[in-house]
Amino acid sequence: MKALAALLLIALPVSVSAHDVVANRLMLVQREANHVSMTLVIDYVTTLKAVAAPAANYKEFVIACSGMADAQLQRTLSQAHTTLEKGIVLNDAQHRTLRVTPLRWPSLTEARKLLQQSAMAAIALGTDKPEPTTLELTADIVSSQRIQSLDVQLPAALADVVVVSYKPMQTAIDPQSRKARITF
């Protein structure tokens, strides 16, 4: 009976929603003709390791970073953040590189907490398979020209990135009927 139940579970189709998939995401939202807001959702600690110490063992990396003095950790974080930011290149339709405001990174205290949590998880689980440390980083892209399209180039440390882009539509609610038709 148990074998039949196991077989049925294996044979059942599995549906995974896009919201259930853990992946790095880049969201680009055109706010105005010359302004795009950018949100980069990443596994912070895994990305940090990929930039700061790509050849290092994950568990050793998070343990080492967790124990660093503030000044040393700040230097490591700043170098990794700068490398990531320099690797994000956005060009408009005329192949002009657009200026991206600096990403809003976590504070030293927040980053240390994520590293410590990752180190504790790696030790407790006895594995080098990282637990995701999802973090949202935001920035803005403003151009003197209208932005009609973007060519996006990302650094290799940002693996498996899903890009979501859209231009929101605004609809006013009729004050008399208190209704509006929303179309997608």
Protein backbone atom coordinates (compact mmCIF):
# COMPACT_ATOMS: atom_id res chain seq x y z
CA MET A 1 0.00 0.00 0.00
CA LYS A 2 2.83 2.41 0.89
CA ALA A 3 4.56 1.62 -2.41
CA LEU A 4 1.37 2.46 -4.32
CA ALA A 5 0.99 5.77 -2.46
CA ALA A 6 4.63 6.65 -3.19
CA LEU A 7 4.16 5.77 -6.87
CA LEU A 8 1.05 7.95 -7.08
CA LEU A 9 2.89 10.89 -5.50
CA ILE A 10 5.72 10.55 -8.00
CA ALA A 11 3.32 10.28 -10.95
CA LEU A 12 1.21 13.31 -10.01
CA PRO A 13 1.93 16.39 -12.09
CA VAL A 14 3.74 19.14 -10.22
CA SER A 15 2.82 22.75 -10.83
CA VAL A 16 5.21 25.48 -9.80
CA SER A 17 4.15 29.09 -9.82
CA ALA A 18 6.63 31.72 -10.96
CA HIS A 19 6.42 33.17 -7.45
CA ASP A 20 7.61 29.85 -5.96
CA VAL A 21 10.85 29.74 -7.93
CA VAL A 22 13.85 31.11 -6.07
CA ALA A 23 15.87 33.08 -8.58
CA ASN A 24 17.63 36.38 -8.92
CA ARG A 25 15.22 38.89 -10.44
CA LEU A 26 15.68 42.25 -12.08
CA MET A 27 12.52 44.35 -12.15
CA LEU A 28 12.43 47.41 -14.38
CA VAL A 29 9.42 49.71 -14.10
CA GLN A 30 9.12 52.74 -16.37
CA ARG A 31 7.77 55.49 -14.12
CA GLU A 32 8.06 58.36 -16.60
CA ALA A 33 9.28 58.62 -20.18
CA ASN A 34 12.85 59.22 -19.00
CA HIS A 35 12.79 57.39 -15.62
CA VAL A 36 12.97 53.68 -14.87
CA SER A 37 13.06 52.30 -11.35
CA MET A 38 15.16 49.20 -10.88
CA THR A 39 14.79 46.53 -8.21
CA LEU A 40 17.32 43.74 -8.07
CA VAL A 41 16.23 40.78 -5.95
CA ILE A 42 19.22 38.57 -5.17
CA ASP A 43 20.46 35.85 -2.90
CA TYR A 44 22.77 38.33 -1.19
CA VAL A 45 25.27 36.05 0.54
CA THR A 46 25.65 33.71 -2.45
CA THR A 47 26.16 36.70 -4.75
CA LEU A 48 28.60 38.29 -2.30
CA LYS A 49 30.64 35.07 -2.25
CA ALA A 50 30.56 34.82 -6.06
CA VAL A 51 32.10 38.30 -6.28
CA ALA A 52 34.41 38.42 -3.26
CA ALA A 53 35.69 34.82 -3.24
CA PRO A 54 34.42 32.80 -6.21
CA ALA A 55 36.77 29.85 -5.61
CA ALA A 56 36.14 29.67 -1.85
CA ASN A 57 34.08 27.05 -0.07
CA TYR A 58 30.69 28.57 0.88
CA LYS A 59 30.75 27.50 4.53
CA GLU A 60 34.33 28.72 5.04
CA PHE A 61 33.49 32.02 3.35
CA VAL A 62 30.47 32.82 5.53
CA ILE A 63 32.28 31.77 8.71
CA ALA A 64 35.32 33.89 7.81
CA CYS A 65 33.21 36.95 6.95
CA SER A 66 31.13 36.56 10.09
CA GLY A 67 34.27 36.81 12.21
CA MET A 68 35.88 39.75 10.39
CA ALA A 69 36.51 43.03 12.18
CA ASP A 70 34.10 45.79 11.13
CA ALA A 71 36.67 47.67 9.04
CA GLN A 72 37.77 44.54 7.18
CA LEU A 73 34.19 43.40 6.52
CA GLN A 74 33.23 46.90 5.36
CA ARG A 75 36.16 46.85 2.91
CA THR A 76 35.14 43.41 1.61
CA LEU A 77 31.51 44.47 1.21
CA SER A 78 32.37 47.80 -0.45
CA GLN A 79 34.67 46.12 -2.98
CA ALA A 80 32.05 43.48 -3.82
CA HIS A 81 29.25 46.05 -4.08
CA THR A 82 31.34 48.28 -6.35
CA THR A 83 32.26 45.32 -8.58
CA LEU A 84 28.59 44.33 -8.90
CA GLU A 85 27.46 47.88 -9.66
CA LYS A 86 30.15 48.33 -12.33
CA GLY A 87 28.97 45.10 -13.96
CA ILE A 88 25.41 46.36 -14.39
CA VAL A 89 25.28 48.15 -17.74
CA LEU A 90 22.09 49.56 -19.23
CA ASN A 91 22.09 51.04 -22.73
CA ASP A 92 19.24 52.82 -24.47
CA ALA A 93 18.07 52.22 -28.04
CA GLN A 94 20.79 54.59 -29.32
CA HIS A 95 23.45 52.50 -27.50
CA ARG A 96 24.12 55.22 -24.93
CA THR A 97 25.06 53.91 -21.50
CA LEU A 98 22.55 55.19 -18.98
CA ARG A 99 23.53 56.31 -15.50
CA VAL A 100 22.22 54.10 -12.74
CA THR A 101 22.08 55.59 -9.26
CA PRO A 102 24.03 53.59 -6.69
CA LEU A 103 22.17 50.55 -5.42
CA ARG A 104 20.87 50.83 -1.88
CA TRP A 105 22.92 48.16 -0.08
CA PRO A 106 22.34 46.79 3.42
CA SER A 107 24.21 48.40 6.29
CA LEU A 108 27.26 46.72 7.76
CA THR A 109 25.12 45.46 10.67
CA GLU A 110 22.45 44.02 8.34
CA ALA A 111 25.06 42.36 6.10
CA ARG A 112 26.87 40.87 9.11
CA LYS A 113 23.57 39.49 10.41
CA LEU A 114 22.85 37.79 7.06
CA LEU A 115 26.38 36.35 6.98
CA GLN A 116 26.08 35.09 10.57
CA GLN A 117 22.70 33.49 9.85
CA SER A 118 24.19 31.80 6.78
CA ALA A 119 27.18 30.59 8.80
CA MET A 120 24.93 29.16 11.53
CA ALA A 121 22.74 27.42 8.93
CA ALA A 122 25.79 25.98 7.14
CA ILE A 123 27.20 24.67 10.43
CA ALA A 124 23.86 23.33 11.70
CA LEU A 125 23.00 21.63 8.40
CA GLY A 126 26.57 20.45 7.84
CA THR A 127 26.40 21.41 4.20
CA ASP A 128 27.88 23.83 1.72
CA LYS A 129 24.49 24.27 0.08
CA PRO A 130 23.52 27.82 0.99
CA GLU A 131 20.22 28.82 2.50
CA PRO A 132 18.81 31.72 0.40
CA THR A 133 19.32 35.21 1.81
CA THR A 134 16.93 37.14 -0.41
CA LEU A 135 17.48 40.87 -0.49
CA GLU A 136 15.98 43.68 -2.58
CA LEU A 137 18.32 46.35 -3.89
CA THR A 138 16.85 49.43 -5.53
CA ALA A 139 18.18 52.10 -7.85
CA ASP A 140 16.93 54.54 -10.49
CA ILE A 141 17.79 55.14 -14.11
CA VAL A 142 17.16 58.67 -15.32
CA SER A 143 17.96 59.87 -18.82
CA SER A 144 17.77 63.24 -20.52
CA GLN A 145 16.09 61.39 -23.41
CA ARG A 146 12.97 59.24 -23.58
CA ILE A 147 13.72 55.62 -22.69
CA GLN A 148 12.01 53.38 -25.23
CA SER A 149 14.04 50.22 -24.67
CA LEU A 150 16.97 49.00 -22.64
CA ASP A 151 19.78 46.59 -23.39
CA VAL A 152 20.70 44.97 -20.08
CA GLN A 153 24.10 43.49 -19.25
CA LEU A 154 24.71 41.92 -15.83
CA PRO A 155 27.86 40.60 -14.16
CA ALA A 156 28.51 36.85 -14.18
CA ALA A 157 28.08 36.73 -10.38
CA LEU A 158 24.37 37.34 -10.91
CA ALA A 159 23.48 33.92 -12.25
CA ASP A 160 20.06 32.84 -13.48
CA VAL A 161 18.41 36.24 -13.55
CA VAL A 162 14.77 36.60 -14.53
CA VAL A 163 13.93 40.07 -15.88
CA VAL A 164 10.48 41.55 -15.32
CA SER A 165 9.75 44.84 -17.06
CA TYR A 166 6.64 46.89 -17.45
CA LYS A 167 5.14 50.33 -17.76
CA PRO A 168 2.26 50.77 -15.30
CA MET A 169 -1.04 51.99 -16.64
CA GLN A 170 -3.10 54.39 -14.55
CA THR A 171 -6.87 54.48 -14.57
CA ALA A 172 -8.93 56.96 -12.60
CA ILE A 173 -12.03 55.79 -10.74
CA ASP A 174 -15.11 57.63 -11.97
CA PRO A 175 -16.29 59.76 -9.02
CA GLN A 176 -19.98 59.27 -9.92
CA SER A 177 -20.13 55.53 -10.54
CA ARG A 178 -17.14 54.68 -8.28
CA LYS A 179 -16.11 52.11 -10.91
CA ALA A 180 -13.36 51.66 -13.47
CA ARG A 181 -12.51 48.94 -15.94
CA ILE A 182 -8.95 47.76 -15.58
CA THR A 183 -7.38 46.10 -18.60
CA PHE A 184 -4.21 44.06 -18.82
